[in-house]
Protein backbone atom coordinates (compact mmCIF):
# COMPACT_ATOMS: atom_id res chain seq x y z
CA MET A 1 -4.86 -42.49 53.55
CA GLY A 2 -7.09 -39.47 53.88
CA PRO A 3 -6.94 -37.05 56.81
CA LEU A 4 -10.12 -38.33 58.46
CA LEU A 5 -9.03 -41.97 58.36
CA PHE A 6 -5.61 -40.98 59.66
CA LEU A 7 -7.18 -39.16 62.63
CA ILE A 8 -9.36 -42.17 63.44
CA TYR A 9 -6.28 -44.40 63.43
CA ILE A 10 -3.96 -42.06 65.30
CA ASN A 11 -6.40 -41.29 68.13
CA TYR A 12 -6.03 -44.90 69.30
CA ILE A 13 -2.24 -44.68 69.52
CA GLN A 14 -2.52 -43.79 73.21
CA TYR A 15 -3.72 -47.33 73.92
CA ALA A 16 -0.74 -48.87 72.12
CA VAL A 17 1.86 -47.89 74.71
CA THR A 18 1.69 -48.61 78.41
CA ASN A 19 4.60 -46.66 79.87
CA ALA A 20 4.28 -43.31 78.16
CA LYS A 21 2.07 -40.27 78.18
CA VAL A 22 0.97 -39.65 74.57
CA LYS A 23 0.21 -36.13 73.36
CA LEU A 24 -1.22 -35.50 69.89
CA PHE A 25 -1.30 -32.15 68.15
CA ALA A 26 -2.17 -31.79 64.46
CA GLY A 27 0.10 -34.28 62.69
CA ASP A 28 2.61 -34.58 65.53
CA THR A 29 2.76 -37.28 68.16
CA ASN A 30 4.82 -36.87 71.33
CA LEU A 31 5.67 -39.55 73.86
CA PHE A 32 6.66 -38.49 77.37
CA LEU A 33 8.58 -41.01 79.46
CA HIS A 34 10.43 -40.84 82.74
CA GLY A 35 12.63 -43.03 84.87
CA LYS A 36 14.46 -43.06 88.17
CA SER A 37 17.73 -43.65 86.35
CA LEU A 38 18.97 -43.27 82.79
CA ASN A 39 19.22 -47.06 82.51
CA GLU A 40 15.56 -47.43 83.52
CA LEU A 41 14.58 -44.64 81.11
CA GLU A 42 16.51 -46.28 78.28
CA ASN A 43 14.79 -49.63 78.90
CA THR A 44 11.35 -48.01 79.21
CA THR A 45 11.91 -46.04 76.01
CA ASN A 46 12.99 -49.10 74.05
CA ASN A 47 10.04 -51.15 75.34
CA THR A 48 7.64 -48.33 74.49
CA LEU A 49 9.08 -47.98 70.98
CA ASN A 50 8.70 -51.73 70.47
CA GLN A 51 5.02 -51.50 71.50
CA LEU A 52 4.54 -48.53 69.19
CA THR A 53 6.27 -50.28 66.28
CA HIS A 54 4.04 -53.32 66.74
CA TRP A 55 0.87 -51.17 66.85
CA MET A 56 1.93 -49.29 63.72
CA ALA A 57 2.69 -52.52 61.83
CA VAL A 58 -0.71 -53.99 62.77
CA ASN A 59 -2.39 -50.79 61.53
CA LYS A 60 -0.23 -50.66 58.39
CA LEU A 61 1.39 -47.38 59.41
CA SER A 62 5.06 -46.45 59.61
CA ILE A 63 7.29 -44.03 61.48
CA ASN A 64 9.10 -41.44 59.39
CA ILE A 65 12.58 -41.80 60.87
CA ASP A 66 13.75 -38.60 59.13
CA LYS A 67 11.21 -36.62 61.17
CA THR A 68 11.81 -38.49 64.42
CA CYS A 69 13.89 -37.06 67.23
CA TYR A 70 14.01 -37.05 70.99
CA ALA A 71 14.95 -34.74 73.80
CA LYS A 72 15.97 -35.64 77.30
CA HIS A 73 15.97 -33.55 80.41
CA VAL A 74 18.42 -34.77 83.04
CA THR A 75 20.81 -33.28 85.51
CA VAL A 76 23.77 -35.27 84.18
CA TYR A 77 24.80 -35.55 80.51
CA LEU A 78 24.75 -39.18 79.37
CA VAL A 79 23.93 -40.64 75.96
CA LEU A 80 20.79 -42.75 75.68
CA LYS A 81 20.92 -45.66 73.28
CA ILE A 82 17.44 -45.88 71.79
CA LYS A 83 16.59 -48.58 69.26
CA LEU A 84 13.60 -48.73 66.95
CA LYS A 85 13.69 -52.33 65.77
CA GLU A 86 16.98 -52.41 63.85
CA ILE A 87 17.27 -48.64 63.54
CA LYS A 88 19.19 -46.82 66.25
CA LEU A 89 18.17 -43.26 67.08
CA TYR A 90 20.84 -40.92 68.31
CA ARG A 91 20.54 -37.43 69.69
CA LYS A 92 20.32 -34.87 66.93
CA GLN A 93 19.16 -31.31 66.47
CA CYS A 94 15.42 -31.25 65.82
CA ASP A 95 14.30 -28.67 63.29
CA ASN A 96 11.27 -26.57 64.14
């Protein structure tokens, strides 16, 4: 897919998810989610990723899991269990 077609596709990604703020910059896509508890955040994140996965499948796109990571900002350290279909994402160091 060429760059122009990719940009046309990716600009509509913000309509694919209902519980996240989507920020696009160059080739990067960021989802910002929040919750009143870590359990709520975990559920919201998993639901959002399911919506995103469905949108990408319909548009014949895929997520590069090797370039996918997440960060959380909380006052207490707890591990989030985030699932992308059958692939579980765990906290890892994101390279800049």
